[in-house]
C-alpha atoms as a PDB file:
ATOM      1  CA  MET A   1     102.434 114.723 121.545  1.00  0.00           C
ATOM      2  CA  ARG A   2     100.740 111.810 123.253  1.00  0.00           C
ATOM      3  CA  PHE A   3      98.144 109.517 121.680  1.00  0.00           C
ATOM      4  CA  GLN A   4      95.976 107.563 124.130  1.00  0.00           C
ATOM      5  CA  GLY A   5      98.732 108.147 126.708  1.00  0.00           C
ATOM      6  CA  GLU A   6     101.609 106.932 124.518  1.00  0.00           C
ATOM      7  CA  ASN A   7     104.295 109.063 122.887  1.00  0.00           C
ATOM      8  CA  SER A   8     103.465 109.804 119.264  1.00  0.00           C
ATOM      9  CA  THR A   9     104.212 112.050 116.316  1.00  0.00           C
ATOM     10  CA  LEU A  10     101.687 113.934 114.189  1.00  0.00           C
ATOM     11  CA  SER A  11     102.739 114.335 110.579  1.00  0.00           C
ATOM     12  CA  PHE A  12     100.426 116.411 108.404  1.00  0.00           C
ATOM     13  CA  GLY A  13     100.282 118.310 105.154  1.00  0.00           C
ATOM     14  CA  LEU A  14      97.979 120.840 103.548  1.00  0.00           C
ATOM     15  CA  TYR A  15      97.270 120.534  99.835  1.00  0.00           C
ATOM     16  CA  PHE A  16      95.271 123.107  97.892  1.00  0.00           C
ATOM     17  CA  GLU A  17      92.924 122.080  95.117  1.00  0.00           C
ATOM     18  CA  ALA A  18      89.957 123.792  93.444  1.00  0.00           C
ATOM     19  CA  GLY A  19      89.012 126.026  96.353  1.00  0.00           C
ATOM     20  CA  ARG A  20      89.480 123.315  98.960  1.00  0.00           C
ATOM     21  CA  VAL A  21      92.222 122.336 101.383  1.00  0.00           C
ATOM     22  CA  LEU A  22      93.092 118.671 101.796  1.00  0.00           C
ATOM     23  CA  LEU A  23      94.348 118.056 105.317  1.00  0.00           C
ATOM     24  CA  SER A  24      96.245 114.788 105.220  1.00  0.00           C
ATOM     25  CA  GLY A  25      97.902 113.352 108.265  1.00  0.00           C
ATOM     26  CA  THR A  26      99.241 110.400 110.170  1.00  0.00           C
ATOM     27  CA  ILE A  27      99.606 109.881 113.898  1.00  0.00           C
ATOM     28  CA  TRP A  28     102.525 107.517 114.548  1.00  0.00           C
ATOM     29  CA  LEU A  29     102.871 105.736 117.848  1.00  0.00           C
ATOM     30  CA  ARG A  30     106.441 105.432 119.068  1.00  0.00           C
ATOM     31  CA  ARG A  31     106.437 102.042 120.729  1.00  0.00           C
ATOM     32  CA  PRO A  32     109.972 100.972 121.638  1.00  0.00           C
ATOM     33  CA  ASN A  33     109.038  97.289 121.941  1.00  0.00           C
ATOM     34  CA  ALA A  34     107.271  96.945 118.587  1.00  0.00           C
ATOM     35  CA  LEU A  35     108.371  93.972 116.523  1.00  0.00           C
ATOM     36  CA  PRO A  36     110.172  94.896 113.264  1.00  0.00           C
ATOM     37  CA  ASP A  37     107.767  92.734 111.212  1.00  0.00           C
ATOM     38  CA  SER A  38     104.595  94.098 112.785  1.00  0.00           C
ATOM     39  CA  ALA A  39     102.432  96.742 111.183  1.00  0.00           C
ATOM     40  CA  SER A  40     103.311 100.245 112.314  1.00  0.00           C
ATOM     41  CA  PRO A  41     100.767 101.496 114.833  1.00  0.00           C
ATOM     42  CA  ARG A  42      99.398 104.574 113.096  1.00  0.00           C
ATOM     43  CA  VAL A  43      96.147 106.372 112.392  1.00  0.00           C
ATOM     44  CA  ARG A  44      95.782 108.075 109.007  1.00  0.00           C
ATOM     45  CA  PHE A  45      93.257 110.646 107.937  1.00  0.00           C
ATOM     46  CA  ASN A  46      92.471 112.651 104.806  1.00  0.00           C
ATOM     47  CA  THR A  47      89.724 115.208 104.811  1.00  0.00           C
ATOM     48  CA  PHE A  48      88.758 118.198 102.681  1.00  0.00           C
ATOM     49  CA  PHE A  49      87.988 121.622 104.118  1.00  0.00           C
ATOM     50  CA  SER A  50      86.931 124.818 102.434  1.00  0.00           C
ATOM     51  CA  GLU A  51      89.269 127.743 103.031  1.00  0.00           C
ATOM     52  CA  ASP A  52      86.773 129.152 105.559  1.00  0.00           C
ATOM     53  CA  GLU A  53      86.528 125.816 107.413  1.00  0.00           C
ATOM     54  CA  ILE A  54      90.300 125.458 107.804  1.00  0.00           C
ATOM     55  CA  LEU A  55      90.521 129.038 109.094  1.00  0.00           C
ATOM     56  CA  ARG A  56      87.658 128.384 111.549  1.00  0.00           C
ATOM     57  CA  LEU A  57      89.520 125.289 112.789  1.00  0.00           C
ATOM     58  CA  GLN A  58      92.658 127.381 113.280  1.00  0.00           C
ATOM     59  CA  GLN A  59      90.627 129.989 115.169  1.00  0.00           C
ATOM     60  CA  TRP A  60      88.890 127.311 117.283  1.00  0.00           C
ATOM     61  CA  LEU A  61      92.251 125.833 118.282  1.00  0.00           C
ATOM     62  CA  SER A  62      93.641 129.236 119.241  1.00  0.00           C
ATOM     63  CA  THR A  63      90.645 130.429 121.303  1.00  0.00           C
ATOM     64  CA  ALA A  64      90.537 127.512 123.767  1.00  0.00           C
ATOM     65  CA  SER A  65      86.850 126.859 123.061  1.00  0.00           C
ATOM     66  CA  VAL A  66      85.336 123.869 124.882  1.00  0.00           C
ATOM     67  CA  SER A  67      82.416 123.418 122.481  1.00  0.00           C
ATOM     68  CA  PRO A  68      82.966 120.639 119.897  1.00  0.00           C
ATOM     69  CA  PHE A  69      84.228 121.555 116.428  1.00  0.00           C
ATOM     70  CA  VAL A  70      82.536 119.590 113.627  1.00  0.00           C
ATOM     71  CA  LEU A  71      84.964 118.007 111.155  1.00  0.00           C
ATOM     72  CA  PRO A  72      84.406 116.521 107.678  1.00  0.00           C
ATOM     73  CA  HIS A  73      84.345 112.745 107.046  1.00  0.00           C
ATOM     74  CA  PRO A  74      86.108 110.442 108.059  1.00  0.00           C
ATOM     75  CA  LEU A  75      86.425 112.504 111.216  1.00  0.00           C
ATOM     76  CA  ARG A  76      83.340 113.601 113.141  1.00  0.00           C
ATOM     77  CA  HIS A  77      84.353 116.245 115.648  1.00  0.00           C
ATOM     78  CA  ILE A  78      87.097 117.380 117.972  1.00  0.00           C
ATOM     79  CA  THR A  79      86.484 118.359 121.590  1.00  0.00           C
ATOM     80  CA  ARG A  80      88.856 120.135 123.950  1.00  0.00           C
ATOM     81  CA  LEU A  81      88.722 118.617 127.417  1.00  0.00           C
ATOM     82  CA  THR A  82      88.439 121.023 130.302  1.00  0.00           C
ATOM     83  CA  ASP A  83      90.584 118.942 132.651  1.00  0.00           C
ATOM     84  CA  THR A  84      93.778 119.774 130.785  1.00  0.00           C
ATOM     85  CA  THR A  85      97.137 119.672 132.458  1.00  0.00           C
ATOM     86  CA  ASP A  86      99.739 122.418 132.705  1.00  0.00           C
ATOM     87  CA  PHE A  87     101.997 120.633 130.242  1.00  0.00           C
ATOM     88  CA  ALA A  88      99.443 119.785 127.529  1.00  0.00           C
ATOM     89  CA  THR A  89      96.076 120.553 125.970  1.00  0.00           C
ATOM     90  CA  VAL A  90      93.894 117.449 125.711  1.00  0.00           C
ATOM     91  CA  PHE A  91      91.588 116.799 122.746  1.00  0.00           C
ATOM     92  CA  ASP A  92      89.224 113.963 121.886  1.00  0.00           C
ATOM     93  CA  VAL A  93      88.980 113.368 118.130  1.00  0.00           C
ATOM     94  CA  THR A  94      85.918 111.314 117.198  1.00  0.00           C
ATOM     95  CA  PHE A  95      85.741 109.367 113.934  1.00  0.00           C
ATOM     96  CA  GLN A  96      82.596 108.500 111.986  1.00  0.00           C
ATOM     97  CA  PRO A  97      80.727 105.414 113.296  1.00  0.00           C
ATOM     98  CA  ASP A  98      81.854 103.280 110.329  1.00  0.00           C
ATOM     99  CA  GLN A  99      85.566 103.775 111.125  1.00  0.00           C
ATOM    100  CA  ALA A 100      87.301 100.406 111.505  1.00  0.00           C
ATOM    101  CA  VAL A 101      89.286  99.788 114.667  1.00  0.00           C
ATOM    102  CA  PRO A 102      92.935  98.987 113.780  1.00  0.00           C
ATOM    103  CA  SER A 103      94.152  95.477 114.677  1.00  0.00           C
ATOM    104  CA  TRP A 104      96.893  96.946 116.914  1.00  0.00           C
ATOM    105  CA  TRP A 105      94.398  98.982 119.014  1.00  0.00           C
ATOM    106  CA  ASN A 106      95.308  98.464 122.672  1.00  0.00           C
ATOM    107  CA  TRP A 107      92.746 100.611 124.527  1.00  0.00           C
ATOM    108  CA  ALA A 108      89.077 100.444 125.428  1.00  0.00           C
ATOM    109  CA  ILE A 109      87.020 100.606 122.251  1.00  0.00           C
ATOM    110  CA  THR A 110      84.329 103.231 122.017  1.00  0.00           C
ATOM    111  CA  SER A 111      81.709 103.523 119.334  1.00  0.00           C
ATOM    112  CA  PRO A 112      82.331 105.660 117.413  1.00  0.00           C
ATOM    113  CA  LEU A 113      86.101 105.397 117.690  1.00  0.00           C
ATOM    114  CA  THR A 114      87.625 108.226 119.742  1.00  0.00           C
ATOM    115  CA  VAL A 115      91.296 109.131 119.954  1.00  0.00           C
ATOM    116  CA  ARG A 116      92.667 111.166 122.868  1.00  0.00           C
ATOM    117  CA  LEU A 117      95.509 113.553 122.035  1.00  0.00           C
ATOM    118  CA  GLU A 118      97.647 115.471 124.503  1.00  0.00           C
ATOM    119  CA  ILE A 119      99.463 118.274 122.707  1.00  0.00           C
ATOM    120  CA  LYS A 120     102.238 120.278 124.355  1.00  0.00           C
ATOM    121  CA  PRO A 121     101.976 124.089 124.185  1.00  0.00           C
ATOM    122  CA  ASN A 122     104.785 124.486 121.621  1.00  0.00           C
ATOM    123  CA  GLU A 123     103.270 121.742 119.421  1.00  0.00           C
ATOM    124  CA  LEU A 124      99.840 123.384 119.588  1.00  0.00           C
ATOM    125  CA  THR A 125     101.349 126.756 118.687  1.00  0.00           C
ATOM    126  CA  TYR A 126     103.037 125.173 115.653  1.00  0.00           C
ATOM    127  CA  LEU A 127      99.782 123.523 114.544  1.00  0.00           C
ATOM    128  CA  ILE A 128      97.819 126.766 114.900  1.00  0.00           C
ATOM    129  CA  LYS A 129     100.421 128.698 112.892  1.00  0.00           C
ATOM    130  CA  ALA A 130     100.536 126.007 110.182  1.00  0.00           C
ATOM    131  CA  LEU A 131      96.762 126.335 109.689  1.00  0.00           C
ATOM    132  CA  SER A 132      97.007 130.131 109.404  1.00  0.00           C
ATOM    133  CA  ARG A 133      96.719 131.563 105.888  1.00  0.00           C
ATOM    134  CA  GLU A 134      99.725 133.786 106.626  1.00  0.00           C
ATOM    135  CA  HIS A 135     101.941 130.680 106.572  1.00  0.00           C
ATOM    136  CA  TRP A 136     100.573 129.247 103.320  1.00  0.00           C
ATOM    137  CA  SER A 137     102.322 129.694 100.018  1.00  0.00           C
ATOM    138  CA  THR A 138     101.552 133.011  98.324  1.00  0.00           C
ATOM    139  CA  ASN A 139     100.901 131.480  94.905  1.00  0.00           C
ATOM    140  CA  LEU A 140      97.832 129.390  95.760  1.00  0.00           C
ATOM    141  CA  THR A 141      95.247 128.773  93.060  1.00  0.00           C
ATOM    142  CA  TRP A 142      91.765 128.702  94.503  1.00  0.00           C
END
């Protein structure tokens, strides 16, 4: 995956609680020249979805829709760009206007903060499957 044009890793987890799904994740930038003492360049997010919302997100990702998908706070929405490449699908993830810009940010700053993600086909397939109820544990308590 690429974040703002740099190689990165998306780490995420789904946690189930009282009829909601907590999607928790971190996007790690893999900068080879980063100083050992410096803060790791990463973007974290935690947001709650209802079961229906997480399934609609999974469906939106799999249908190649170009209309924005509204996300819960601290995110705002995700948009699939139509000028995608053959090797990746490109998304813009927009945060709420009050989102602080990290001190390590090295790109043009937009308001609200927007992150561009390029996700390879196999990575997108994995993400879509991970959001599918068929891949969740069978002993969930809603």
